[in-house]
Amino acid sequence: DTFRERAYPGGLTYSGHPLACAAA
């Protein structure tokens, strides 16, 4: 809820990579 209207200042190019998520 803290980040519903406030941007979360973090991220990664490969966050949730499709190959990794398919394996998961």
PDB file of all heavy atoms in Angstrom:
ATOM      1  N   ASP A   1       0.820  -1.221   0.000  1.00  0.00           N
ATOM      2  CA  ASP A   1       0.000   0.000   0.000  1.00  0.00           C
ATOM      3  C   ASP A   1       0.849   1.265   0.000  1.00  0.00           C
ATOM      4  O   ASP A   1       0.442   2.300  -0.543  1.00  0.00           O
ATOM      5  CB  ASP A   1      -0.924   0.011   1.223  1.00  0.00           C
ATOM      6  CG  ASP A   1      -2.074  -0.983   1.108  1.00  0.00           C
ATOM      7  OD1 ASP A   1      -2.331  -1.462  -0.022  1.00  0.00           O
ATOM      8  OD2 ASP A   1      -2.689  -1.299   2.140  1.00  0.00           O
ATOM      9  N   THR A   2       2.036   1.196   0.599  1.00  0.00           N
ATOM     10  CA  THR A   2       2.924   2.354   0.637  1.00  0.00           C
ATOM     11  C   THR A   2       3.299   2.809  -0.768  1.00  0.00           C
ATOM     12  O   THR A   2       3.535   4.003  -1.007  1.00  0.00           O
ATOM     13  CB  THR A   2       4.202   2.006   1.440  1.00  0.00           C
ATOM     14  OG1 THR A   2       3.836   1.766   2.793  1.00  0.00           O
ATOM     15  CG2 THR A   2       5.228   3.134   1.377  1.00  0.00           C
ATOM     16  N   PHE A   3       3.337   1.864  -1.695  1.00  0.00           N
ATOM     17  CA  PHE A   3       3.807   2.173  -3.039  1.00  0.00           C
ATOM     18  C   PHE A   3       2.684   2.184  -4.079  1.00  0.00           C
ATOM     19  O   PHE A   3       2.952   2.110  -5.287  1.00  0.00           O
ATOM     20  CB  PHE A   3       4.909   1.182  -3.426  1.00  0.00           C
ATOM     21  CG  PHE A   3       6.072   1.195  -2.469  1.00  0.00           C
ATOM     22  CD1 PHE A   3       6.212   0.183  -1.524  1.00  0.00           C
ATOM     23  CD2 PHE A   3       6.977   2.241  -2.485  1.00  0.00           C
ATOM     24  CE1 PHE A   3       7.269   0.200  -0.628  1.00  0.00           C
ATOM     25  CE2 PHE A   3       8.038   2.270  -1.585  1.00  0.00           C
ATOM     26  CZ  PHE A   3       8.186   1.249  -0.654  1.00  0.00           C
ATOM     27  N   ARG A   4       1.440   2.314  -3.621  1.00  0.00           N
ATOM     28  CA  ARG A   4       0.335   2.408  -4.576  1.00  0.00           C
ATOM     29  C   ARG A   4       0.392   3.730  -5.351  1.00  0.00           C
ATOM     30  O   ARG A   4       0.169   3.751  -6.569  1.00  0.00           O
ATOM     31  CB  ARG A   4      -1.005   2.270  -3.852  1.00  0.00           C
ATOM     32  CG  ARG A   4      -1.320   0.853  -3.411  1.00  0.00           C
ATOM     33  CD  ARG A   4      -2.709   0.732  -2.815  1.00  0.00           C
ATOM     34  NE  ARG A   4      -2.994  -0.625  -2.361  1.00  0.00           N
ATOM     35  CZ  ARG A   4      -3.470  -1.602  -3.142  1.00  0.00           C
ATOM     36  NH1 ARG A   4      -3.725  -1.344  -4.421  1.00  0.00           N
ATOM     37  NH2 ARG A   4      -3.690  -2.800  -2.659  1.00  0.00           N
ATOM     38  N   GLU A   5       0.662   4.821  -4.669  1.00  0.00           N
ATOM     39  CA  GLU A   5       0.727   6.130  -5.310  1.00  0.00           C
ATOM     40  C   GLU A   5       2.124   6.723  -5.279  1.00  0.00           C
ATOM     41  O   GLU A   5       2.338   7.834  -5.757  1.00  0.00           O
ATOM     42  CB  GLU A   5      -0.263   7.091  -4.623  1.00  0.00           C
ATOM     43  CG  GLU A   5      -1.712   6.639  -4.664  1.00  0.00           C
ATOM     44  CD  GLU A   5      -2.253   6.572  -6.096  1.00  0.00           C
ATOM     45  OE1 GLU A   5      -1.778   7.361  -6.942  1.00  0.00           O
ATOM     46  OE2 GLU A   5      -3.137   5.736  -6.361  1.00  0.00           O
ATOM     47  N   ARG A   6       3.046   6.012  -4.681  1.00  0.00           N
ATOM     48  CA  ARG A   6       4.429   6.460  -4.541  1.00  0.00           C
ATOM     49  C   ARG A   6       5.325   5.452  -5.259  1.00  0.00           C
ATOM     50  O   ARG A   6       5.268   4.257  -4.972  1.00  0.00           O
ATOM     51  CB  ARG A   6       4.776   6.527  -3.054  1.00  0.00           C
ATOM     52  CG  ARG A   6       6.226   6.785  -2.721  1.00  0.00           C
ATOM     53  CD  ARG A   6       6.411   6.622  -1.215  1.00  0.00           C
ATOM     54  NE  ARG A   6       7.791   6.816  -0.793  1.00  0.00           N
ATOM     55  CZ  ARG A   6       8.222   6.609   0.452  1.00  0.00           C
ATOM     56  NH1 ARG A   6       7.368   6.200   1.386  1.00  0.00           N
ATOM     57  NH2 ARG A   6       9.490   6.816   0.766  1.00  0.00           N
ATOM     58  N   ALA A   7       6.130   5.925  -6.186  1.00  0.00           N
ATOM     59  CA  ALA A   7       6.961   5.017  -6.968  1.00  0.00           C
ATOM     60  C   ALA A   7       7.989   4.316  -6.083  1.00  0.00           C
ATOM     61  O   ALA A   7       8.624   4.944  -5.225  1.00  0.00           O
ATOM     62  CB  ALA A   7       7.666   5.775  -8.078  1.00  0.00           C
ATOM     63  N   TYR A   8       8.138   3.035  -6.312  1.00  0.00           N
ATOM     64  CA  TYR A   8       9.200   2.306  -5.631  1.00  0.00           C
ATOM     65  C   TYR A   8      10.501   2.559  -6.389  1.00  0.00           C
ATOM     66  O   TYR A   8      10.595   2.248  -7.586  1.00  0.00           O
ATOM     67  CB  TYR A   8       8.903   0.805  -5.577  1.00  0.00           C
ATOM     68  CG  TYR A   8      10.059   0.013  -4.987  1.00  0.00           C
ATOM     69  CD1 TYR A   8      10.431   0.207  -3.663  1.00  0.00           C
ATOM     70  CD2 TYR A   8      10.800  -0.874  -5.764  1.00  0.00           C
ATOM     71  CE1 TYR A   8      11.503  -0.487  -3.122  1.00  0.00           C
ATOM     72  CE2 TYR A   8      11.867  -1.581  -5.234  1.00  0.00           C
ATOM     73  CZ  TYR A   8      12.221  -1.370  -3.911  1.00  0.00           C
ATOM     74  OH  TYR A   8      13.291  -2.046  -3.382  1.00  0.00           O
ATOM     75  N   PRO A   9      11.536   3.097  -5.724  1.00  0.00           N
ATOM     76  CA  PRO A   9      12.762   3.480  -6.429  1.00  0.00           C
ATOM     77  C   PRO A   9      13.757   2.341  -6.559  1.00  0.00           C
ATOM     78  O   PRO A   9      14.872   2.384  -6.035  1.00  0.00           O
ATOM     79  CB  PRO A   9      13.318   4.603  -5.539  1.00  0.00           C
ATOM     80  CG  PRO A   9      12.907   4.192  -4.156  1.00  0.00           C
ATOM     81  CD  PRO A   9      11.560   3.526  -4.309  1.00  0.00           C
ATOM     82  N   GLY A  10      13.385   1.304  -7.270  1.00  0.00           N
ATOM     83  CA  GLY A  10      14.275   0.165  -7.455  1.00  0.00           C
ATOM     84  C   GLY A  10      13.789  -0.710  -8.592  1.00  0.00           C
ATOM     85  O   GLY A  10      12.580  -0.798  -8.852  1.00  0.00           O
ATOM     86  N   GLY A  11      14.725  -1.357  -9.254  1.00  0.00           N
ATOM     87  CA  GLY A  11      14.356  -2.254 -10.348  1.00  0.00           C
ATOM     88  C   GLY A  11      15.570  -2.918 -10.946  1.00  0.00           C
ATOM     89  O   GLY A  11      16.708  -2.509 -10.702  1.00  0.00           O
ATOM     90  N   LEU A  12      15.327  -3.943 -11.753  1.00  0.00           N
ATOM     91  CA  LEU A  12      16.390  -4.730 -12.359  1.00  0.00           C
ATOM     92  C   LEU A  12      15.987  -5.067 -13.791  1.00  0.00           C
ATOM     93  O   LEU A  12      14.827  -5.397 -14.056  1.00  0.00           O
ATOM     94  CB  LEU A  12      16.612  -6.027 -11.574  1.00  0.00           C
ATOM     95  CG  LEU A  12      16.989  -5.847 -10.099  1.00  0.00           C
ATOM     96  CD1 LEU A  12      16.553  -7.061  -9.291  1.00  0.00           C
ATOM     97  CD2 LEU A  12      18.480  -5.643  -9.977  1.00  0.00           C
ATOM     98  N   THR A  13      16.930  -4.991 -14.704  1.00  0.00           N
ATOM     99  CA  THR A  13      16.628  -5.280 -16.104  1.00  0.00           C
ATOM    100  C   THR A  13      15.987  -6.651 -16.272  1.00  0.00           C
ATOM    101  O   THR A  13      15.076  -6.835 -17.082  1.00  0.00           O
ATOM    102  CB  THR A  13      17.911  -5.212 -16.943  1.00  0.00           C
ATOM    103  OG1 THR A  13      18.440  -3.894 -16.868  1.00  0.00           O
ATOM    104  CG2 THR A  13      17.643  -5.578 -18.405  1.00  0.00           C
ATOM    105  N   TYR A  14      16.468  -7.628 -15.489  1.00  0.00           N
ATOM    106  CA  TYR A  14      16.008  -9.004 -15.671  1.00  0.00           C
ATOM    107  C   TYR A  14      15.007  -9.444 -14.612  1.00  0.00           C
ATOM    108  O   TYR A  14      14.817 -10.636 -14.397  1.00  0.00           O
ATOM    109  CB  TYR A  14      17.220  -9.941 -15.697  1.00  0.00           C
ATOM    110  CG  TYR A  14      18.205  -9.564 -16.770  1.00  0.00           C
ATOM    111  CD1 TYR A  14      19.499  -9.171 -16.445  1.00  0.00           C
ATOM    112  CD2 TYR A  14      17.818  -9.558 -18.112  1.00  0.00           C
ATOM    113  CE1 TYR A  14      20.392  -8.794 -17.432  1.00  0.00           C
ATOM    114  CE2 TYR A  14      18.705  -9.192 -19.101  1.00  0.00           C
ATOM    115  CZ  TYR A  14      19.992  -8.804 -18.764  1.00  0.00           C
ATOM    116  OH  TYR A  14      20.874  -8.433 -19.750  1.00  0.00           O
ATOM    117  N   SER A  15      14.375  -8.494 -13.945  1.00  0.00           N
ATOM    118  CA  SER A  15      13.369  -8.825 -12.936  1.00  0.00           C
ATOM    119  C   SER A  15      12.232  -9.617 -13.565  1.00  0.00           C
ATOM    120  O   SER A  15      11.585  -9.158 -14.513  1.00  0.00           O
ATOM    121  CB  SER A  15      12.825  -7.530 -12.319  1.00  0.00           C
ATOM    122  OG  SER A  15      11.792  -7.795 -11.420  1.00  0.00           O
ATOM    123  N   GLY A  16      11.999 -10.812 -13.051  1.00  0.00           N
ATOM    124  CA  GLY A  16      10.937 -11.653 -13.594  1.00  0.00           C
ATOM    125  C   GLY A  16      11.243 -12.150 -14.993  1.00  0.00           C
ATOM    126  O   GLY A  16      10.339 -12.226 -15.844  1.00  0.00           O
ATOM    127  N   HIS A  17      12.500 -12.514 -15.236  1.00  0.00           N
ATOM    128  CA  HIS A  17      12.897 -12.997 -16.562  1.00  0.00           C
ATOM    129  C   HIS A  17      12.029 -14.183 -16.971  1.00  0.00           C
ATOM    130  O   HIS A  17      11.821 -15.112 -16.192  1.00  0.00           O
ATOM    131  CB  HIS A  17      14.371 -13.416 -16.527  1.00  0.00           C
ATOM    132  CG  HIS A  17      14.965 -13.610 -17.872  1.00  0.00           C
ATOM    133  ND1 HIS A  17      14.691 -14.717 -18.655  1.00  0.00           N
ATOM    134  CD2 HIS A  17      15.822 -12.843 -18.594  1.00  0.00           C
ATOM    135  CE1 HIS A  17      15.348 -14.624 -19.791  1.00  0.00           C
ATOM    136  NE2 HIS A  17      16.045 -13.498 -19.788  1.00  0.00           N
ATOM    137  N   PRO A  18      11.491 -14.168 -18.196  1.00  0.00           N
ATOM    138  CA  PRO A  18      10.558 -15.228 -18.600  1.00  0.00           C
ATOM    139  C   PRO A  18      11.122 -16.642 -18.472  1.00  0.00           C
ATOM    140  O   PRO A  18      10.399 -17.560 -18.069  1.00  0.00           O
ATOM    141  CB  PRO A  18      10.241 -14.881 -20.054  1.00  0.00           C
ATOM    142  CG  PRO A  18      10.417 -13.409 -20.139  1.00  0.00           C
ATOM    143  CD  PRO A  18      11.564 -13.098 -19.216  1.00  0.00           C
ATOM    144  N   LEU A  19      12.379 -16.848 -18.824  1.00  0.00           N
ATOM    145  CA  LEU A  19      12.934 -18.194 -18.709  1.00  0.00           C
ATOM    146  C   LEU A  19      12.995 -18.642 -17.254  1.00  0.00           C
ATOM    147  O   LEU A  19      12.698 -19.790 -16.928  1.00  0.00           O
ATOM    148  CB  LEU A  19      14.326 -18.254 -19.338  1.00  0.00           C
ATOM    149  CG  LEU A  19      14.438 -17.980 -20.832  1.00  0.00           C
ATOM    150  CD1 LEU A  19      15.884 -18.142 -21.291  1.00  0.00           C
ATOM    151  CD2 LEU A  19      13.534 -18.906 -21.631  1.00  0.00           C
ATOM    152  N   ALA A  20      13.377 -17.725 -16.377  1.00  0.00           N
ATOM    153  CA  ALA A  20      13.445 -18.053 -14.954  1.00  0.00           C
ATOM    154  C   ALA A  20      12.060 -18.300 -14.377  1.00  0.00           C
ATOM    155  O   ALA A  20      11.864 -19.223 -13.573  1.00  0.00           O
ATOM    156  CB  ALA A  20      14.146 -16.926 -14.200  1.00  0.00           C
ATOM    157  N   CYS A  21      11.102 -17.490 -14.770  1.00  0.00           N
ATOM    158  CA  CYS A  21       9.746 -17.651 -14.244  1.00  0.00           C
ATOM    159  C   CYS A  21       9.089 -18.919 -14.778  1.00  0.00           C
ATOM    160  O   CYS A  21       8.335 -19.585 -14.055  1.00  0.00           O
ATOM    161  CB  CYS A  21       8.904 -16.422 -14.578  1.00  0.00           C
ATOM    162  SG  CYS A  21       9.338 -14.969 -13.591  1.00  0.00           S
ATOM    163  N   ALA A  22       9.357 -19.251 -16.033  1.00  0.00           N
ATOM    164  CA  ALA A  22       8.827 -20.513 -16.573  1.00  0.00           C
ATOM    165  C   ALA A  22       9.374 -21.684 -15.777  1.00  0.00           C
ATOM    166  O   ALA A  22       8.659 -22.650 -15.472  1.00  0.00           O
ATOM    167  CB  ALA A  22       9.198 -20.648 -18.044  1.00  0.00           C
ATOM    168  N   ALA A  23      10.667 -21.611 -15.419  1.00  0.00           N
ATOM    169  CA  ALA A  23      11.259 -22.671 -14.592  1.00  0.00           C
ATOM    170  C   ALA A  23      10.616 -22.713 -13.218  1.00  0.00           C
ATOM    171  O   ALA A  23      10.403 -23.792 -12.657  1.00  0.00           O
ATOM    172  CB  ALA A  23      12.763 -22.442 -14.474  1.00  0.00           C
ATOM    173  N   ALA A  24      10.291 -21.542 -12.654  1.00  0.00           N
ATOM    174  CA  ALA A  24       9.653 -21.502 -11.343  1.00  0.00           C
ATOM    175  C   ALA A  24       8.251 -22.105 -11.380  1.00  0.00           C
ATOM    176  O   ALA A  24       7.861 -22.865 -10.479  1.00  0.00           O
ATOM    177  CB  ALA A  24       9.591 -20.059 -10.829  1.00  0.00           C
TER     178      ALA A  24
END
